[in-house]
């Protein structure tokens, strides 16, 4: 992910939380807010309750890679904030990607096939 594709500032996170819509499954909560940017942006949040630093960073890597692989299918003009739940720590990359695809289909950010 490029720098301009990430949500970093607290102000931006809060805007997505307040104005966006949330969708969830057992592993992830996704907030989606439509915007007028040409590319989508993602923000990641993994609490210390999920695991140690190694586990949290692995989850974030999995989420970034999954978004990278799905970038052509995703709605381009939106901000996404992904919050990982504790069950996400027990998953490998393919399970994480499948779970993210599921919650993004619920959010209508991915087309149903």
N, C-alpha and C. Protein backbone atom coordinates (compact mmCIF):
# COMPACT_ATOMS: atom_id res chain seq x y z
N UNK A 1 0.84 -1.19 0.00
CA UNK A 1 0.00 0.00 0.00
C UNK A 1 0.88 1.24 0.00
N UNK A 2 0.50 2.19 -0.82
CA UNK A 2 1.21 3.46 -0.85
C UNK A 2 0.79 4.32 0.33
N UNK A 3 1.58 5.34 0.61
CA UNK A 3 1.25 6.22 1.74
C UNK A 3 -0.08 6.93 1.55
N UNK A 4 -0.39 7.31 0.31
CA UNK A 4 -1.64 8.03 0.08
C UNK A 4 -2.85 7.09 0.12
N UNK A 5 -2.63 5.80 0.30
CA UNK A 5 -3.73 4.84 0.41
C UNK A 5 -3.98 4.42 1.86
N UNK A 6 -3.33 5.08 2.81
CA UNK A 6 -3.51 4.72 4.21
C UNK A 6 -4.18 5.85 4.98
N UNK A 7 -4.97 5.45 5.96
CA UNK A 7 -5.55 6.41 6.89
C UNK A 7 -4.68 6.36 8.13
N UNK A 8 -4.07 7.48 8.50
CA UNK A 8 -3.14 7.50 9.62
C UNK A 8 -3.61 8.39 10.76
N UNK A 9 -4.21 9.51 10.42
CA UNK A 9 -4.52 10.51 11.44
C UNK A 9 -5.79 10.16 12.21
N UNK A 10 -5.79 10.47 13.49
CA UNK A 10 -6.94 10.18 14.35
C UNK A 10 -8.19 10.89 13.84
N UNK A 11 -8.02 12.09 13.33
CA UNK A 11 -9.15 12.87 12.81
C UNK A 11 -9.83 12.12 11.66
N UNK A 12 -9.02 11.52 10.78
CA UNK A 12 -9.57 10.76 9.65
C UNK A 12 -10.28 9.49 10.13
N UNK A 13 -9.69 8.80 11.12
CA UNK A 13 -10.33 7.62 11.70
C UNK A 13 -11.68 7.99 12.30
N UNK A 14 -11.71 9.08 13.06
CA UNK A 14 -12.95 9.49 13.73
C UNK A 14 -14.04 9.86 12.72
N UNK A 15 -13.64 10.48 11.62
CA UNK A 15 -14.61 10.84 10.57
C UNK A 15 -15.25 9.58 9.98
N UNK A 16 -14.43 8.55 9.73
CA UNK A 16 -14.97 7.29 9.18
C UNK A 16 -15.86 6.62 10.21
N UNK A 17 -15.46 6.63 11.49
CA UNK A 17 -16.28 6.01 12.54
C UNK A 17 -17.63 6.70 12.68
N UNK A 18 -17.63 8.04 12.64
CA UNK A 18 -18.87 8.79 12.87
C UNK A 18 -19.79 8.81 11.65
N UNK A 19 -19.22 8.98 10.46
CA UNK A 19 -20.05 9.16 9.27
C UNK A 19 -20.23 7.89 8.45
N UNK A 20 -19.34 6.89 8.66
CA UNK A 20 -19.40 5.67 7.86
C UNK A 20 -20.37 4.65 8.42
N UNK A 21 -20.53 3.57 7.67
CA UNK A 21 -21.38 2.46 8.10
C UNK A 21 -20.49 1.30 8.50
N UNK A 22 -20.92 0.54 9.52
CA UNK A 22 -20.11 -0.59 9.97
C UNK A 22 -20.75 -1.91 9.60
N UNK A 23 -19.89 -2.87 9.31
CA UNK A 23 -20.29 -4.23 8.97
C UNK A 23 -19.32 -5.16 9.67
N UNK A 24 -19.80 -6.32 10.11
CA UNK A 24 -18.93 -7.18 10.91
C UNK A 24 -19.21 -8.65 10.67
N UNK A 25 -18.19 -9.46 10.95
CA UNK A 25 -18.34 -10.89 11.11
C UNK A 25 -17.53 -11.26 12.36
N UNK A 26 -17.25 -12.51 12.57
CA UNK A 26 -16.57 -12.91 13.82
C UNK A 26 -15.13 -12.43 13.91
N UNK A 27 -14.48 -12.20 12.77
CA UNK A 27 -13.06 -11.86 12.80
C UNK A 27 -12.78 -10.37 12.61
N UNK A 28 -13.60 -9.67 11.84
CA UNK A 28 -13.31 -8.29 11.49
C UNK A 28 -14.55 -7.40 11.57
N UNK A 29 -14.30 -6.13 11.88
CA UNK A 29 -15.31 -5.08 11.77
C UNK A 29 -14.79 -4.12 10.70
N UNK A 30 -15.64 -3.79 9.75
CA UNK A 30 -15.23 -2.89 8.67
C UNK A 30 -16.15 -1.68 8.66
N UNK A 31 -15.55 -0.50 8.70
CA UNK A 31 -16.29 0.76 8.54
C UNK A 31 -16.02 1.25 7.13
N UNK A 32 -17.08 1.63 6.43
CA UNK A 32 -16.95 2.10 5.05
C UNK A 32 -17.56 3.49 4.96
N UNK A 33 -16.80 4.41 4.37
CA UNK A 33 -17.29 5.77 4.15
C UNK A 33 -16.95 6.16 2.72
N UNK A 34 -17.97 6.47 1.94
CA UNK A 34 -17.75 6.90 0.56
C UNK A 34 -17.09 8.27 0.57
N UNK A 35 -16.14 8.45 -0.34
CA UNK A 35 -15.44 9.74 -0.43
C UNK A 35 -15.29 10.12 -1.90
N UNK A 36 -14.65 11.25 -2.14
CA UNK A 36 -14.50 11.70 -3.52
C UNK A 36 -13.07 11.53 -4.04
N UNK A 37 -12.29 10.66 -3.39
CA UNK A 37 -10.92 10.41 -3.84
C UNK A 37 -10.90 9.39 -4.97
N UNK A 38 -9.88 9.45 -5.82
CA UNK A 38 -9.82 8.49 -6.93
C UNK A 38 -9.46 7.07 -6.48
N UNK A 39 -8.76 6.94 -5.35
CA UNK A 39 -8.35 5.62 -4.86
C UNK A 39 -8.94 5.38 -3.47
N UNK A 40 -9.09 4.10 -3.13
CA UNK A 40 -9.55 3.78 -1.79
C UNK A 40 -8.41 3.96 -0.80
N UNK A 41 -8.77 4.17 0.48
CA UNK A 41 -7.77 4.25 1.55
C UNK A 41 -8.18 3.28 2.64
N UNK A 42 -7.18 2.70 3.33
CA UNK A 42 -7.51 1.81 4.43
C UNK A 42 -6.80 2.25 5.70
N UNK A 43 -7.47 2.01 6.81
CA UNK A 43 -6.90 2.23 8.13
C UNK A 43 -7.05 0.94 8.91
N UNK A 44 -6.02 0.57 9.65
CA UNK A 44 -6.03 -0.70 10.38
C UNK A 44 -5.97 -0.44 11.87
N UNK A 45 -6.72 -1.24 12.62
CA UNK A 45 -6.69 -1.15 14.07
C UNK A 45 -6.70 -2.57 14.64
N UNK A 46 -5.64 -2.90 15.37
CA UNK A 46 -5.54 -4.20 16.02
C UNK A 46 -5.18 -3.94 17.47
N UNK A 47 -6.08 -4.27 18.37
CA UNK A 47 -5.92 -3.99 19.80
C UNK A 47 -4.86 -4.89 20.43
N UNK A 48 -4.33 -4.44 21.56
CA UNK A 48 -3.38 -5.26 22.31
C UNK A 48 -4.02 -6.51 22.88
N UNK A 49 -5.35 -6.50 22.98
CA UNK A 49 -6.07 -7.68 23.46
C UNK A 49 -5.96 -8.84 22.49
N UNK A 50 -5.68 -8.55 21.22
CA UNK A 50 -5.62 -9.58 20.19
C UNK A 50 -4.37 -10.44 20.35
N UNK A 51 -3.26 -9.86 20.76
CA UNK A 51 -2.04 -10.64 20.92
C UNK A 51 -0.84 -9.74 21.09
N UNK A 52 0.34 -10.37 21.06
CA UNK A 52 1.56 -9.58 21.21
C UNK A 52 1.88 -8.85 19.90
N UNK A 53 2.96 -8.09 19.88
CA UNK A 53 3.29 -7.24 18.73
C UNK A 53 3.48 -8.06 17.46
N UNK A 54 4.09 -9.22 17.58
CA UNK A 54 4.33 -10.07 16.42
C UNK A 54 3.00 -10.50 15.79
N UNK A 55 2.07 -10.91 16.63
CA UNK A 55 0.75 -11.34 16.15
C UNK A 55 -0.01 -10.18 15.52
N UNK A 56 0.01 -9.03 16.17
CA UNK A 56 -0.71 -7.87 15.63
C UNK A 56 -0.14 -7.44 14.29
N UNK A 57 1.17 -7.42 14.16
CA UNK A 57 1.80 -7.02 12.90
C UNK A 57 1.51 -8.03 11.79
N UNK A 58 1.45 -9.33 12.14
CA UNK A 58 1.13 -10.36 11.16
C UNK A 58 -0.29 -10.16 10.64
N UNK A 59 -1.23 -9.87 11.53
CA UNK A 59 -2.62 -9.63 11.12
C UNK A 59 -2.68 -8.43 10.17
N UNK A 60 -1.96 -7.36 10.50
CA UNK A 60 -1.97 -6.16 9.65
C UNK A 60 -1.36 -6.45 8.28
N UNK A 61 -0.30 -7.25 8.24
CA UNK A 61 0.31 -7.64 6.96
C UNK A 61 -0.69 -8.43 6.11
N UNK A 62 -1.41 -9.37 6.76
CA UNK A 62 -2.40 -10.18 6.05
C UNK A 62 -3.49 -9.30 5.46
N UNK A 63 -3.97 -8.33 6.24
CA UNK A 63 -5.04 -7.45 5.78
C UNK A 63 -4.56 -6.60 4.59
N UNK A 64 -3.35 -6.03 4.71
CA UNK A 64 -2.81 -5.21 3.62
C UNK A 64 -2.66 -6.03 2.34
N UNK A 65 -2.14 -7.26 2.48
CA UNK A 65 -1.93 -8.10 1.30
C UNK A 65 -3.27 -8.49 0.68
N UNK A 66 -4.26 -8.79 1.51
CA UNK A 66 -5.59 -9.15 0.99
C UNK A 66 -6.18 -7.97 0.21
N UNK A 67 -6.05 -6.75 0.74
CA UNK A 67 -6.56 -5.57 0.03
C UNK A 67 -5.80 -5.34 -1.27
N UNK A 68 -4.50 -5.61 -1.25
CA UNK A 68 -3.69 -5.46 -2.45
C UNK A 68 -4.17 -6.41 -3.54
N UNK A 69 -4.51 -7.64 -3.16
CA UNK A 69 -4.99 -8.63 -4.13
C UNK A 69 -6.41 -8.34 -4.60
N UNK A 70 -7.21 -7.64 -3.78
CA UNK A 70 -8.60 -7.35 -4.15
C UNK A 70 -8.78 -5.94 -4.70
N UNK A 71 -7.71 -5.19 -4.90
CA UNK A 71 -7.83 -3.76 -5.23
C UNK A 71 -8.62 -3.49 -6.51
N UNK A 72 -8.57 -4.38 -7.49
CA UNK A 72 -9.30 -4.15 -8.74
C UNK A 72 -10.80 -4.35 -8.57
N UNK A 73 -11.21 -5.15 -7.59
CA UNK A 73 -12.63 -5.43 -7.38
C UNK A 73 -13.28 -4.42 -6.42
N UNK A 74 -12.47 -3.76 -5.58
CA UNK A 74 -13.02 -2.87 -4.57
C UNK A 74 -13.54 -1.56 -5.14
N UNK A 75 -14.54 -1.02 -4.45
CA UNK A 75 -15.04 0.30 -4.82
C UNK A 75 -13.91 1.32 -4.59
N UNK A 76 -13.52 2.06 -5.63
CA UNK A 76 -12.33 2.91 -5.52
C UNK A 76 -12.50 4.17 -4.68
N UNK A 77 -13.70 4.70 -4.61
CA UNK A 77 -13.88 6.00 -3.94
C UNK A 77 -14.45 5.81 -2.53
N UNK A 78 -13.67 5.14 -1.67
CA UNK A 78 -14.15 4.91 -0.31
C UNK A 78 -12.97 4.81 0.65
N UNK A 79 -13.27 5.10 1.92
CA UNK A 79 -12.31 4.89 3.00
C UNK A 79 -12.78 3.67 3.79
N UNK A 80 -11.84 2.78 4.11
CA UNK A 80 -12.15 1.57 4.87
C UNK A 80 -11.32 1.58 6.15
N UNK A 81 -11.97 1.33 7.28
CA UNK A 81 -11.25 1.12 8.53
C UNK A 81 -11.56 -0.31 8.98
N UNK A 82 -10.52 -1.11 9.16
CA UNK A 82 -10.68 -2.50 9.53
C UNK A 82 -10.20 -2.68 10.96
N UNK A 83 -11.06 -3.24 11.79
CA UNK A 83 -10.70 -3.55 13.17
C UNK A 83 -10.67 -5.07 13.29
N UNK A 84 -9.55 -5.61 13.74
CA UNK A 84 -9.42 -7.05 13.89
C UNK A 84 -9.89 -7.48 15.28
N UNK A 85 -10.65 -8.55 15.31
CA UNK A 85 -11.09 -9.14 16.58
C UNK A 85 -10.14 -10.27 16.97
N UNK A 86 -10.32 -10.80 18.17
CA UNK A 86 -9.40 -11.81 18.69
C UNK A 86 -9.33 -13.07 17.83
N UNK A 87 -10.43 -13.46 17.19
CA UNK A 87 -10.43 -14.66 16.37
C UNK A 87 -9.49 -14.53 15.17
N UNK A 88 -9.19 -13.32 14.76
CA UNK A 88 -8.31 -13.10 13.60
C UNK A 88 -6.89 -13.57 13.89
N UNK A 89 -6.50 -13.65 15.15
CA UNK A 89 -5.15 -14.07 15.51
C UNK A 89 -4.91 -15.54 15.21
N UNK A 90 -5.96 -16.34 15.14
CA UNK A 90 -5.83 -17.78 14.96
C UNK A 90 -5.87 -18.19 13.48
N UNK A 91 -5.97 -17.22 12.60
CA UNK A 91 -6.16 -17.53 11.18
C UNK A 91 -4.89 -17.36 10.36
N UNK A 92 -4.78 -18.17 9.28
CA UNK A 92 -3.67 -17.96 8.35
C UNK A 92 -4.12 -16.96 7.28
N UNK A 93 -3.25 -16.68 6.30
CA UNK A 93 -3.55 -15.63 5.32
C UNK A 93 -4.80 -15.93 4.51
N UNK A 94 -4.94 -17.17 4.04
CA UNK A 94 -6.07 -17.49 3.16
C UNK A 94 -7.40 -17.39 3.91
N UNK A 95 -7.42 -17.81 5.16
CA UNK A 95 -8.64 -17.69 5.96
C UNK A 95 -8.96 -16.22 6.21
N UNK A 96 -7.92 -15.42 6.49
CA UNK A 96 -8.13 -13.98 6.72
C UNK A 96 -8.70 -13.31 5.48
N UNK A 97 -8.14 -13.63 4.32
CA UNK A 97 -8.61 -13.04 3.07
C UNK A 97 -10.07 -13.43 2.82
N UNK A 98 -10.39 -14.69 3.04
CA UNK A 98 -11.76 -15.16 2.82
C UNK A 98 -12.74 -14.45 3.76
N UNK A 99 -12.32 -14.27 5.01
CA UNK A 99 -13.16 -13.58 5.99
C UNK A 99 -13.35 -12.11 5.61
N UNK A 100 -12.29 -11.46 5.16
CA UNK A 100 -12.39 -10.07 4.71
C UNK A 100 -13.29 -9.95 3.49
N UNK A 101 -13.17 -10.88 2.55
CA UNK A 101 -14.04 -10.87 1.38
C UNK A 101 -15.50 -11.00 1.81
N UNK A 102 -15.75 -11.87 2.78
CA UNK A 102 -17.12 -12.07 3.28
C UNK A 102 -17.70 -10.77 3.84
N UNK A 103 -16.94 -10.12 4.72
CA UNK A 103 -17.46 -8.90 5.34
C UNK A 103 -17.56 -7.74 4.33
N UNK A 104 -16.68 -7.71 3.35
CA UNK A 104 -16.76 -6.66 2.32
C UNK A 104 -17.95 -6.90 1.37
N UNK A 105 -18.32 -8.16 1.17
CA UNK A 105 -19.51 -8.45 0.36
C UNK A 105 -20.76 -8.03 1.12
N UNK A 106 -20.76 -8.22 2.44
CA UNK A 106 -21.88 -7.76 3.27
C UNK A 106 -22.00 -6.23 3.15
N UNK A 107 -20.84 -5.56 3.11
CA UNK A 107 -20.80 -4.09 3.02
C UNK A 107 -21.07 -3.59 1.59
N UNK A 108 -21.23 -4.50 0.66
CA UNK A 108 -21.43 -4.18 -0.76
C UNK A 108 -20.25 -3.40 -1.34
N UNK A 109 -19.05 -3.65 -0.81
CA UNK A 109 -17.85 -3.03 -1.36
C UNK A 109 -17.23 -3.94 -2.41
N UNK A 110 -17.56 -5.22 -2.34
CA UNK A 110 -17.11 -6.19 -3.34
C UNK A 110 -18.34 -6.72 -4.08
N UNK A 111 -18.22 -6.93 -5.37
CA UNK A 111 -19.37 -7.52 -6.09
C UNK A 111 -19.55 -8.98 -5.72
N UNK A 112 -20.80 -9.41 -5.61
CA UNK A 112 -21.08 -10.82 -5.32
C UNK A 112 -20.96 -11.61 -6.62
N UNK A 113 -20.26 -12.73 -6.53
CA UNK A 113 -20.07 -13.55 -7.73
C UNK A 113 -20.92 -14.78 -7.67
